[in-house]
Amino acid sequence: TAPGRVRVTVYADRVLIGARRAGLDATLDESARAWAERLDAAGIPSAYTDDIEGALWAKAFYNAALNPLGALLGVPYGLLAEHDDTRALMDGVIDEAFAVARAERVRLSWKSASEYRGLFYDRLVPSTVDHRSSMLQDLERGRRTEIEAINGEIWRRGREHGLVTPYNETLTRLIRYREQRR
């Protein structure tokens, strides 16, 4: 909002900070811990993790399911979770992303995509019920979105593992179309 000041508009979960490969470099691990403590003390709920890769995939599950649908439909996250059709689409996105993460041998906190969806619908979406996706805001402002880094990356990595990811592919293609029309 001003130099040295930020306003956080949504808290879905704590910000997790960790070294890319925890345990390999004590200096990096300590630096990550220190930054997590600083952010937490500044009022941004934060914590250190020794599994940043799993945390990044969890963030991808959340963003891949919500951002492009919110952008394409022009609605906040809460409305997406209220309808069977959009829930089915989000479930498909999450199932595909979970399969890709498993193929990449990522250590995840959930045994199945279904178990993750319990957290997603019961806690994460309700905490961001009125949030409008950054992807929607980018499209409204005529900017490029993060689609390639989110759903496009799931689609790309799926292909590398011989997995089909039609939900993520379709959402990537639809957002690309919207970007090109700006």
C-alpha atoms as a PDB file:
ATOM      1  CA  THR A   1       0.000   0.000   0.000  1.00  0.00           C
ATOM      2  CA  ALA A   2       3.070   2.217   0.497  1.00  0.00           C
ATOM      3  CA  PRO A   3       6.840   1.754   0.584  1.00  0.00           C
ATOM      4  CA  GLY A   4       7.586  -0.863   3.231  1.00  0.00           C
ATOM      5  CA  ARG A   5       3.877  -1.618   3.850  1.00  0.00           C
ATOM      6  CA  VAL A   6       1.710  -4.413   2.478  1.00  0.00           C
ATOM      7  CA  ARG A   7      -1.888  -5.465   2.982  1.00  0.00           C
ATOM      8  CA  VAL A   8      -2.648  -9.173   2.920  1.00  0.00           C
ATOM      9  CA  THR A   9      -6.195  -9.677   1.679  1.00  0.00           C
ATOM     10  CA  VAL A  10      -6.656 -13.395   2.226  1.00  0.00           C
ATOM     11  CA  TYR A  11      -5.312 -16.066   4.557  1.00  0.00           C
ATOM     12  CA  ALA A  12      -6.031 -19.613   3.419  1.00  0.00           C
ATOM     13  CA  ASP A  13      -3.219 -21.122   5.452  1.00  0.00           C
ATOM     14  CA  ARG A  14       0.136 -20.212   6.956  1.00  0.00           C
ATOM     15  CA  VAL A  15       2.954 -19.183   4.615  1.00  0.00           C
ATOM     16  CA  LEU A  16       5.460 -22.037   4.689  1.00  0.00           C
ATOM     17  CA  ILE A  17       9.137 -21.291   4.208  1.00  0.00           C
ATOM     18  CA  GLY A  18      11.939 -23.793   3.776  1.00  0.00           C
ATOM     19  CA  ALA A  19      15.097 -24.599   1.918  1.00  0.00           C
ATOM     20  CA  ARG A  20      14.624 -26.406  -1.397  1.00  0.00           C
ATOM     21  CA  ARG A  21      16.504 -29.402  -0.020  1.00  0.00           C
ATOM     22  CA  ALA A  22      16.205 -29.260   3.753  1.00  0.00           C
ATOM     23  CA  GLY A  23      19.111 -30.700   5.715  1.00  0.00           C
ATOM     24  CA  LEU A  24      21.735 -30.215   3.010  1.00  0.00           C
ATOM     25  CA  ASP A  25      22.850 -26.758   4.091  1.00  0.00           C
ATOM     26  CA  ALA A  26      22.377 -25.705   7.719  1.00  0.00           C
ATOM     27  CA  THR A  27      22.801 -22.034   6.769  1.00  0.00           C
ATOM     28  CA  LEU A  28      19.869 -22.183   4.338  1.00  0.00           C
ATOM     29  CA  ASP A  29      17.743 -24.048   6.855  1.00  0.00           C
ATOM     30  CA  GLU A  30      18.454 -21.456   9.552  1.00  0.00           C
ATOM     31  CA  SER A  31      17.797 -18.600   7.149  1.00  0.00           C
ATOM     32  CA  ALA A  32      14.419 -20.127   6.226  1.00  0.00           C
ATOM     33  CA  ARG A  33      13.552 -20.527   9.915  1.00  0.00           C
ATOM     34  CA  ALA A  34      14.539 -16.901  10.611  1.00  0.00           C
ATOM     35  CA  TRP A  35      12.403 -15.569   7.724  1.00  0.00           C
ATOM     36  CA  ALA A  36       9.412 -17.625   8.867  1.00  0.00           C
ATOM     37  CA  GLU A  37       9.773 -16.157  12.376  1.00  0.00           C
ATOM     38  CA  ARG A  38      10.098 -12.604  11.010  1.00  0.00           C
ATOM     39  CA  LEU A  39       7.007 -12.865   8.838  1.00  0.00           C
ATOM     40  CA  ASP A  40       5.026 -14.475  11.634  1.00  0.00           C
ATOM     41  CA  ALA A  41       6.073 -11.692  14.038  1.00  0.00           C
ATOM     42  CA  ALA A  42       5.009  -9.134  11.416  1.00  0.00           C
ATOM     43  CA  GLY A  43       1.470 -10.532  11.458  1.00  0.00           C
ATOM     44  CA  ILE A  44       1.625 -12.833   8.436  1.00  0.00           C
ATOM     45  CA  PRO A  45       0.990 -16.357   9.782  1.00  0.00           C
ATOM     46  CA  SER A  46       4.148 -18.223   8.770  1.00  0.00           C
ATOM     47  CA  ALA A  47       6.085 -21.327   9.707  1.00  0.00           C
ATOM     48  CA  TYR A  48       9.236 -23.187   8.752  1.00  0.00           C
ATOM     49  CA  THR A  49       8.915 -26.465   6.862  1.00  0.00           C
ATOM     50  CA  ASP A  50      11.482 -29.087   6.030  1.00  0.00           C
ATOM     51  CA  ASP A  51       9.327 -30.178   3.089  1.00  0.00           C
ATOM     52  CA  ILE A  52       8.875 -27.160   0.860  1.00  0.00           C
ATOM     53  CA  GLU A  53       8.315 -29.312  -2.224  1.00  0.00           C
ATOM     54  CA  GLY A  54       5.245 -30.968  -0.692  1.00  0.00           C
ATOM     55  CA  ALA A  55       4.011 -27.545   0.458  1.00  0.00           C
ATOM     56  CA  LEU A  56       4.420 -26.132  -3.070  1.00  0.00           C
ATOM     57  CA  TRP A  57       2.420 -29.010  -4.525  1.00  0.00           C
ATOM     58  CA  ALA A  58      -0.320 -28.434  -1.951  1.00  0.00           C
ATOM     59  CA  LYS A  59      -0.449 -24.798  -3.065  1.00  0.00           C
ATOM     60  CA  ALA A  60      -0.622 -25.974  -6.678  1.00  0.00           C
ATOM     61  CA  PHE A  61      -3.587 -28.256  -5.880  1.00  0.00           C
ATOM     62  CA  TYR A  62      -5.439 -25.275  -4.383  1.00  0.00           C
ATOM     63  CA  ASN A  63      -4.565 -22.741  -7.074  1.00  0.00           C
ATOM     64  CA  ALA A  64      -5.039 -25.100 -10.029  1.00  0.00           C
ATOM     65  CA  ALA A  65      -8.548 -25.943  -8.879  1.00  0.00           C
ATOM     66  CA  LEU A  66      -9.720 -22.419  -8.045  1.00  0.00           C
ATOM     67  CA  ASN A  67      -7.839 -19.787 -10.044  1.00  0.00           C
ATOM     68  CA  PRO A  68      -8.726 -20.610 -13.656  1.00  0.00           C
ATOM     69  CA  LEU A  69     -12.364 -21.478 -12.919  1.00  0.00           C
ATOM     70  CA  GLY A  70     -12.808 -18.306 -10.886  1.00  0.00           C
ATOM     71  CA  ALA A  71     -11.222 -16.364 -13.734  1.00  0.00           C
ATOM     72  CA  LEU A  72     -13.251 -17.945 -16.518  1.00  0.00           C
ATOM     73  CA  LEU A  73     -16.554 -17.698 -14.657  1.00  0.00           C
ATOM     74  CA  GLY A  74     -15.869 -14.341 -12.996  1.00  0.00           C
ATOM     75  CA  VAL A  75     -16.896 -15.533  -9.537  1.00  0.00           C
ATOM     76  CA  PRO A  76     -15.288 -15.764  -6.084  1.00  0.00           C
ATOM     77  CA  TYR A  77     -14.028 -19.086  -4.737  1.00  0.00           C
ATOM     78  CA  GLY A  78     -17.028 -19.752  -2.492  1.00  0.00           C
ATOM     79  CA  LEU A  79     -19.453 -19.891  -5.414  1.00  0.00           C
ATOM     80  CA  LEU A  80     -17.294 -22.494  -7.147  1.00  0.00           C
ATOM     81  CA  ALA A  81     -17.640 -24.863  -4.195  1.00  0.00           C
ATOM     82  CA  GLU A  82     -21.447 -24.464  -4.040  1.00  0.00           C
ATOM     83  CA  HIS A  83     -22.265 -26.108  -7.369  1.00  0.00           C
ATOM     84  CA  ASP A  84     -21.940 -29.771  -8.323  1.00  0.00           C
ATOM     85  CA  ASP A  85     -20.629 -29.011 -11.814  1.00  0.00           C
ATOM     86  CA  THR A  86     -17.804 -26.714 -10.701  1.00  0.00           C
ATOM     87  CA  ARG A  87     -16.976 -29.058  -7.809  1.00  0.00           C
ATOM     88  CA  ALA A  88     -16.666 -31.916 -10.316  1.00  0.00           C
ATOM     89  CA  LEU A  89     -14.261 -29.837 -12.400  1.00  0.00           C
ATOM     90  CA  MET A  90     -12.179 -28.894  -9.347  1.00  0.00           C
ATOM     91  CA  ASP A  91     -12.136 -32.529  -8.209  1.00  0.00           C
ATOM     92  CA  GLY A  92     -10.795 -33.561 -11.622  1.00  0.00           C
ATOM     93  CA  VAL A  93      -8.071 -30.900 -11.513  1.00  0.00           C
ATOM     94  CA  ILE A  94      -7.014 -32.023  -8.032  1.00  0.00           C
ATOM     95  CA  ASP A  95      -7.073 -35.732  -8.974  1.00  0.00           C
ATOM     96  CA  GLU A  96      -4.801 -35.072 -11.960  1.00  0.00           C
ATOM     97  CA  ALA A  97      -2.402 -32.866  -9.996  1.00  0.00           C
ATOM     98  CA  PHE A  98      -2.226 -35.441  -7.213  1.00  0.00           C
ATOM     99  CA  ALA A  99      -1.412 -38.191  -9.756  1.00  0.00           C
ATOM    100  CA  VAL A 100       1.375 -36.051 -11.253  1.00  0.00           C
ATOM    101  CA  ALA A 101       2.823 -35.293  -7.808  1.00  0.00           C
ATOM    102  CA  ARG A 102       2.792 -39.020  -7.024  1.00  0.00           C
ATOM    103  CA  ALA A 103       4.528 -39.775 -10.343  1.00  0.00           C
ATOM    104  CA  GLU A 104       7.207 -37.241  -9.343  1.00  0.00           C
ATOM    105  CA  ARG A 105       7.583 -39.029  -5.993  1.00  0.00           C
ATOM    106  CA  VAL A 106       6.663 -35.942  -4.006  1.00  0.00           C
ATOM    107  CA  ARG A 107       6.124 -36.563  -0.307  1.00  0.00           C
ATOM    108  CA  LEU A 108       2.581 -35.372   0.372  1.00  0.00           C
ATOM    109  CA  SER A 109       0.679 -34.923   3.634  1.00  0.00           C
ATOM    110  CA  TRP A 110      -2.377 -36.797   2.311  1.00  0.00           C
ATOM    111  CA  LYS A 111      -2.740 -40.443   1.336  1.00  0.00           C
ATOM    112  CA  SER A 112      -5.124 -39.637  -1.502  1.00  0.00           C
ATOM    113  CA  ALA A 113      -6.590 -36.819  -3.530  1.00  0.00           C
ATOM    114  CA  SER A 114      -9.877 -37.492  -1.765  1.00  0.00           C
ATOM    115  CA  GLU A 115      -8.262 -36.878   1.612  1.00  0.00           C
ATOM    116  CA  TYR A 116      -6.819 -33.569   0.335  1.00  0.00           C
ATOM    117  CA  ARG A 117     -10.252 -32.561  -0.995  1.00  0.00           C
ATOM    118  CA  GLY A 118     -11.629 -32.925   2.531  1.00  0.00           C
ATOM    119  CA  LEU A 119      -9.216 -30.215   3.693  1.00  0.00           C
ATOM    120  CA  PHE A 120      -9.846 -28.186   0.543  1.00  0.00           C
ATOM    121  CA  TYR A 121     -13.634 -28.019   0.880  1.00  0.00           C
ATOM    122  CA  ASP A 122     -13.877 -28.039   4.683  1.00  0.00           C
ATOM    123  CA  ARG A 123     -11.180 -25.516   5.585  1.00  0.00           C
ATOM    124  CA  LEU A 124      -9.331 -23.870   2.690  1.00  0.00           C
ATOM    125  CA  VAL A 125     -12.199 -22.743   0.481  1.00  0.00           C
ATOM    126  CA  PRO A 126     -14.338 -21.470   3.401  1.00  0.00           C
ATOM    127  CA  SER A 127     -11.446 -19.274   4.561  1.00  0.00           C
ATOM    128  CA  THR A 128     -11.314 -17.654   1.087  1.00  0.00           C
ATOM    129  CA  VAL A 129     -15.023 -17.770   0.224  1.00  0.00           C
ATOM    130  CA  ASP A 130     -15.165 -14.170  -1.087  1.00  0.00           C
ATOM    131  CA  HIS A 131     -11.732 -14.151  -2.747  1.00  0.00           C
ATOM    132  CA  ARG A 132     -11.516 -13.255  -6.435  1.00  0.00           C
ATOM    133  CA  SER A 133      -8.626 -15.057  -8.080  1.00  0.00           C
ATOM    134  CA  SER A 134      -5.502 -13.210  -9.130  1.00  0.00           C
ATOM    135  CA  MET A 135      -5.992 -14.844 -12.531  1.00  0.00           C
ATOM    136  CA  LEU A 136      -9.382 -13.130 -12.857  1.00  0.00           C
ATOM    137  CA  GLN A 137      -7.835  -9.819 -11.831  1.00  0.00           C
ATOM    138  CA  ASP A 138      -5.046 -10.289 -14.384  1.00  0.00           C
ATOM    139  CA  LEU A 139      -7.549 -10.965 -17.164  1.00  0.00           C
ATOM    140  CA  GLU A 140      -9.591  -7.922 -16.174  1.00  0.00           C
ATOM    141  CA  ARG A 141      -6.453  -5.777 -16.367  1.00  0.00           C
ATOM    142  CA  GLY A 142      -5.292  -7.223 -19.680  1.00  0.00           C
ATOM    143  CA  ARG A 143      -2.247  -8.923 -18.135  1.00  0.00           C
ATOM    144  CA  ARG A 144      -0.808 -12.368 -18.626  1.00  0.00           C
ATOM    145  CA  THR A 145      -1.804 -14.859 -15.969  1.00  0.00           C
ATOM    146  CA  GLU A 146       0.020 -17.592 -14.067  1.00  0.00           C
ATOM    147  CA  ILE A 147      -1.747 -20.345 -16.010  1.00  0.00           C
ATOM    148  CA  GLU A 148       1.464 -21.780 -17.478  1.00  0.00           C
ATOM    149  CA  ALA A 149       3.097 -22.016 -14.044  1.00  0.00           C
ATOM    150  CA  ILE A 150       0.068 -23.673 -12.464  1.00  0.00           C
ATOM    151  CA  ASN A 151      -2.230 -25.805 -14.644  1.00  0.00           C
ATOM    152  CA  GLY A 152       0.123 -25.655 -17.627  1.00  0.00           C
ATOM    153  CA  GLU A 153       2.935 -27.061 -15.510  1.00  0.00           C
ATOM    154  CA  ILE A 154       0.741 -29.891 -14.221  1.00  0.00           C
ATOM    155  CA  TRP A 155      -0.218 -30.689 -17.821  1.00  0.00           C
ATOM    156  CA  ARG A 156       3.446 -30.556 -18.964  1.00  0.00           C
ATOM    157  CA  ARG A 157       4.723 -32.730 -16.120  1.00  0.00           C
ATOM    158  CA  GLY A 158       1.857 -35.151 -16.632  1.00  0.00           C
ATOM    159  CA  ARG A 159       2.905 -35.636 -20.256  1.00  0.00           C
ATOM    160  CA  GLU A 160       6.476 -36.325 -19.112  1.00  0.00           C
ATOM    161  CA  HIS A 161       5.129 -39.203 -17.003  1.00  0.00           C
ATOM    162  CA  GLY A 162       2.711 -40.500 -19.638  1.00  0.00           C
ATOM    163  CA  LEU A 163      -0.300 -39.225 -17.701  1.00  0.00           C
ATOM    164  CA  VAL A 164      -3.255 -37.556 -19.374  1.00  0.00           C
ATOM    165  CA  THR A 165      -4.483 -34.444 -17.607  1.00  0.00           C
ATOM    166  CA  PRO A 166      -7.504 -33.266 -19.614  1.00  0.00           C
ATOM    167  CA  TYR A 167      -8.868 -30.948 -16.906  1.00  0.00           C
ATOM    168  CA  ASN A 168      -5.595 -29.079 -16.512  1.00  0.00           C
ATOM    169  CA  GLU A 169      -5.006 -29.034 -20.275  1.00  0.00           C
ATOM    170  CA  THR A 170      -8.472 -27.640 -20.974  1.00  0.00           C
ATOM    171  CA  LEU A 171      -8.234 -24.915 -18.339  1.00  0.00           C
ATOM    172  CA  THR A 172      -4.769 -23.959 -19.618  1.00  0.00           C
ATOM    173  CA  ARG A 173      -6.041 -23.688 -23.184  1.00  0.00           C
ATOM    174  CA  LEU A 174      -9.120 -21.669 -22.184  1.00  0.00           C
ATOM    175  CA  ILE A 175      -7.103 -19.164 -20.145  1.00  0.00           C
ATOM    176  CA  ARG A 176      -4.557 -18.875 -22.991  1.00  0.00           C
ATOM    177  CA  TYR A 177      -7.450 -18.022 -25.305  1.00  0.00           C
ATOM    178  CA  ARG A 178      -8.695 -15.350 -22.906  1.00  0.00           C
ATOM    179  CA  GLU A 179      -5.184 -13.904 -22.617  1.00  0.00           C
ATOM    180  CA  GLN A 180      -4.847 -13.711 -26.411  1.00  0.00           C
ATOM    181  CA  ARG A 181      -8.195 -11.893 -26.728  1.00  0.00           C
ATOM    182  CA  ARG A 182      -7.166  -9.003 -24.466  1.00  0.00           C
END
